[in-house]
Amino acid sequence: MVIRFVNRHYSTLPPSPATMSQREGSVAPASELFLYALLVVQPLVGWGMLSAARYPIVLFGSLHLSPSFRTV
């Protein structure tokens, strides 16, 4: 996702269609940034939910993510 975001930032954009209104032209970049934000937040929410349920989070073999909180 990070590679895609960097590539999107440094590549040239195709022109907007002539039939696109001014409002649509201003909302399109904002909605794209919102979708990128959701792509970042989604795995963090999953990590938090699994940690709250005390499930082990295994990435690859013996590589584990630490819980997002500690209990006393």
N, C-alpha and C. Protein backbone atom coordinates (compact mmCIF):
# COMPACT_ATOMS: atom_id res chain seq x y z
N MET A 1 0.82 -1.17 0.00
CA MET A 1 0.00 0.00 0.00
C MET A 1 0.87 1.25 0.00
N VAL A 2 1.97 1.21 0.74
CA VAL A 2 2.87 2.37 0.79
C VAL A 2 3.51 2.58 -0.58
N ILE A 3 3.93 1.51 -1.22
CA ILE A 3 4.53 1.62 -2.56
C ILE A 3 3.52 2.20 -3.54
N ARG A 4 2.29 1.76 -3.46
CA ARG A 4 1.25 2.27 -4.35
C ARG A 4 1.01 3.76 -4.10
N PHE A 5 0.98 4.16 -2.83
CA PHE A 5 0.75 5.57 -2.51
C PHE A 5 1.89 6.44 -3.03
N VAL A 6 3.13 6.00 -2.85
CA VAL A 6 4.28 6.77 -3.34
C VAL A 6 4.26 6.85 -4.86
N ASN A 7 3.97 5.73 -5.51
CA ASN A 7 3.89 5.72 -6.97
C ASN A 7 2.80 6.67 -7.46
N ARG A 8 1.66 6.67 -6.78
CA ARG A 8 0.55 7.54 -7.17
C ARG A 8 0.92 9.01 -6.96
N HIS A 9 1.68 9.29 -5.93
CA HIS A 9 2.07 10.67 -5.62
C HIS A 9 3.04 11.24 -6.67
N TYR A 10 3.94 10.40 -7.16
CA TYR A 10 4.97 10.89 -8.07
C TYR A 10 4.65 10.68 -9.55
N SER A 11 3.57 9.99 -9.87
CA SER A 11 3.23 9.80 -11.28
C SER A 11 2.26 10.90 -11.72
N THR A 12 2.20 11.12 -13.01
CA THR A 12 1.29 12.13 -13.54
C THR A 12 -0.11 11.55 -13.64
N LEU A 13 -1.08 12.37 -13.37
CA LEU A 13 -2.47 11.94 -13.40
C LEU A 13 -3.06 12.13 -14.79
N PRO A 14 -3.95 11.24 -15.20
CA PRO A 14 -4.63 11.47 -16.47
C PRO A 14 -5.60 12.63 -16.31
N PRO A 15 -5.91 13.32 -17.39
CA PRO A 15 -6.84 14.45 -17.28
C PRO A 15 -8.24 13.97 -16.89
N SER A 16 -8.95 14.82 -16.18
CA SER A 16 -10.33 14.50 -15.81
C SER A 16 -11.22 14.58 -17.05
N PRO A 17 -12.28 13.79 -17.08
CA PRO A 17 -13.19 13.87 -18.22
C PRO A 17 -13.83 15.26 -18.33
N ALA A 18 -14.13 15.66 -19.53
CA ALA A 18 -14.73 16.98 -19.75
C ALA A 18 -16.13 17.06 -19.15
N THR A 19 -16.79 15.92 -18.98
CA THR A 19 -18.15 15.91 -18.44
C THR A 19 -18.17 15.99 -16.91
N MET A 20 -17.00 15.97 -16.28
CA MET A 20 -16.93 16.02 -14.81
C MET A 20 -17.16 17.45 -14.32
N SER A 21 -18.06 17.59 -13.36
CA SER A 21 -18.35 18.92 -12.83
C SER A 21 -17.22 19.39 -11.90
N GLN A 22 -17.26 20.67 -11.54
CA GLN A 22 -16.25 21.25 -10.65
C GLN A 22 -16.31 20.57 -9.28
N ARG A 23 -17.50 20.31 -8.79
CA ARG A 23 -17.67 19.66 -7.49
C ARG A 23 -17.08 18.26 -7.51
N GLU A 24 -17.37 17.49 -8.54
CA GLU A 24 -16.81 16.13 -8.66
C GLU A 24 -15.29 16.18 -8.74
N GLY A 25 -14.77 17.17 -9.43
CA GLY A 25 -13.32 17.31 -9.55
C GLY A 25 -12.64 17.60 -8.23
N SER A 26 -13.34 18.30 -7.33
CA SER A 26 -12.75 18.59 -6.02
C SER A 26 -12.96 17.45 -5.03
N VAL A 27 -14.00 16.66 -5.19
CA VAL A 27 -14.29 15.56 -4.27
C VAL A 27 -13.45 14.33 -4.61
N ALA A 28 -13.10 14.13 -5.85
CA ALA A 28 -12.37 12.93 -6.27
C ALA A 28 -11.04 12.76 -5.54
N PRO A 29 -10.17 13.76 -5.45
CA PRO A 29 -8.91 13.56 -4.71
C PRO A 29 -9.12 13.32 -3.22
N ALA A 30 -10.13 13.98 -2.65
CA ALA A 30 -10.40 13.78 -1.22
C ALA A 30 -10.88 12.36 -0.95
N SER A 31 -11.71 11.83 -1.82
CA SER A 31 -12.19 10.46 -1.62
C SER A 31 -11.05 9.46 -1.81
N GLU A 32 -10.13 9.76 -2.69
CA GLU A 32 -8.98 8.87 -2.88
C GLU A 32 -8.10 8.84 -1.63
N LEU A 33 -7.85 10.00 -1.04
CA LEU A 33 -7.07 10.06 0.19
C LEU A 33 -7.79 9.34 1.33
N PHE A 34 -9.10 9.47 1.38
CA PHE A 34 -9.89 8.78 2.40
C PHE A 34 -9.75 7.26 2.25
N LEU A 35 -9.77 6.76 1.03
CA LEU A 35 -9.61 5.32 0.81
C LEU A 35 -8.21 4.85 1.20
N TYR A 36 -7.18 5.66 0.93
CA TYR A 36 -5.83 5.30 1.37
C TYR A 36 -5.77 5.27 2.90
N ALA A 37 -6.43 6.20 3.56
CA ALA A 37 -6.45 6.20 5.03
C ALA A 37 -7.12 4.94 5.55
N LEU A 38 -8.20 4.51 4.91
CA LEU A 38 -8.86 3.28 5.33
C LEU A 38 -7.96 2.06 5.14
N LEU A 39 -7.15 2.06 4.09
CA LEU A 39 -6.22 0.95 3.87
C LEU A 39 -5.16 0.87 4.96
N VAL A 40 -4.82 2.00 5.56
CA VAL A 40 -3.86 2.01 6.66
C VAL A 40 -4.53 1.60 7.97
N VAL A 41 -5.75 2.08 8.20
CA VAL A 41 -6.44 1.84 9.46
C VAL A 41 -6.94 0.40 9.58
N GLN A 42 -7.33 -0.21 8.48
CA GLN A 42 -7.93 -1.55 8.53
C GLN A 42 -7.05 -2.59 9.22
N PRO A 43 -5.78 -2.76 8.88
CA PRO A 43 -4.98 -3.76 9.59
C PRO A 43 -4.73 -3.39 11.05
N LEU A 44 -4.69 -2.10 11.37
CA LEU A 44 -4.51 -1.69 12.76
C LEU A 44 -5.73 -2.06 13.61
N VAL A 45 -6.92 -1.91 13.05
CA VAL A 45 -8.13 -2.30 13.77
C VAL A 45 -8.15 -3.82 13.97
N GLY A 46 -7.77 -4.56 12.96
CA GLY A 46 -7.71 -6.02 13.10
C GLY A 46 -6.72 -6.45 14.16
N TRP A 47 -5.56 -5.81 14.19
CA TRP A 47 -4.55 -6.11 15.21
C TRP A 47 -5.10 -5.81 16.60
N GLY A 48 -5.77 -4.69 16.75
CA GLY A 48 -6.36 -4.33 18.03
C GLY A 48 -7.44 -5.30 18.47
N MET A 49 -8.28 -5.74 17.54
CA MET A 49 -9.34 -6.67 17.88
C MET A 49 -8.79 -8.03 18.29
N LEU A 50 -7.80 -8.52 17.56
CA LEU A 50 -7.20 -9.80 17.91
C LEU A 50 -6.46 -9.72 19.24
N SER A 51 -5.81 -8.59 19.49
CA SER A 51 -5.11 -8.43 20.76
C SER A 51 -6.10 -8.35 21.92
N ALA A 52 -7.21 -7.68 21.71
CA ALA A 52 -8.22 -7.57 22.77
C ALA A 52 -8.83 -8.93 23.09
N ALA A 53 -8.94 -9.80 22.10
CA ALA A 53 -9.48 -11.14 22.31
C ALA A 53 -8.41 -12.11 22.77
N ARG A 54 -7.18 -11.63 22.91
CA ARG A 54 -6.02 -12.40 23.36
C ARG A 54 -5.67 -13.58 22.42
N TYR A 55 -5.87 -13.37 21.14
CA TYR A 55 -5.44 -14.36 20.14
C TYR A 55 -3.98 -14.09 19.79
N PRO A 56 -3.19 -15.13 19.60
CA PRO A 56 -1.82 -14.89 19.14
C PRO A 56 -1.83 -14.46 17.68
N ILE A 57 -0.98 -13.53 17.34
CA ILE A 57 -0.92 -13.02 15.97
C ILE A 57 0.40 -13.47 15.37
N VAL A 58 0.33 -14.46 14.49
CA VAL A 58 1.51 -15.05 13.87
C VAL A 58 1.64 -14.47 12.46
N LEU A 59 2.80 -13.87 12.17
CA LEU A 59 3.02 -13.33 10.84
C LEU A 59 3.60 -14.39 9.91
N PHE A 60 4.80 -14.87 10.23
CA PHE A 60 5.47 -15.89 9.43
C PHE A 60 6.19 -16.84 10.38
N GLY A 61 5.75 -18.08 10.43
CA GLY A 61 6.43 -19.06 11.27
C GLY A 61 6.48 -18.66 12.72
N SER A 62 7.67 -18.34 13.21
CA SER A 62 7.81 -17.98 14.61
C SER A 62 7.80 -16.47 14.85
N LEU A 63 7.52 -15.69 13.83
CA LEU A 63 7.45 -14.23 13.96
C LEU A 63 6.05 -13.83 14.43
N HIS A 64 5.96 -13.27 15.63
CA HIS A 64 4.68 -12.89 16.22
C HIS A 64 4.64 -11.38 16.44
N LEU A 65 3.41 -10.83 16.32
CA LEU A 65 3.20 -9.44 16.69
C LEU A 65 2.94 -9.39 18.18
N SER A 66 3.44 -8.36 18.83
CA SER A 66 3.17 -8.22 20.25
C SER A 66 1.75 -7.72 20.44
N PRO A 67 1.15 -8.01 21.59
CA PRO A 67 -0.20 -7.49 21.86
C PRO A 67 -0.18 -5.96 21.87
N SER A 68 -1.29 -5.36 21.50
CA SER A 68 -1.35 -3.90 21.43
C SER A 68 -1.52 -3.28 22.82
N PHE A 69 -1.74 -4.11 23.84
CA PHE A 69 -1.83 -3.61 25.21
C PHE A 69 -1.27 -4.66 26.16
N ARG A 70 -0.95 -4.26 27.35
CA ARG A 70 -0.43 -5.17 28.37
C ARG A 70 -1.42 -5.20 29.53
N THR A 71 -1.64 -6.39 30.08
CA THR A 71 -2.48 -6.50 31.27
C THR A 71 -1.59 -6.62 32.49
N VAL A 72 -2.05 -6.10 33.57
CA VAL A 72 -1.27 -6.10 34.81
C VAL A 72 -1.59 -7.32 35.63
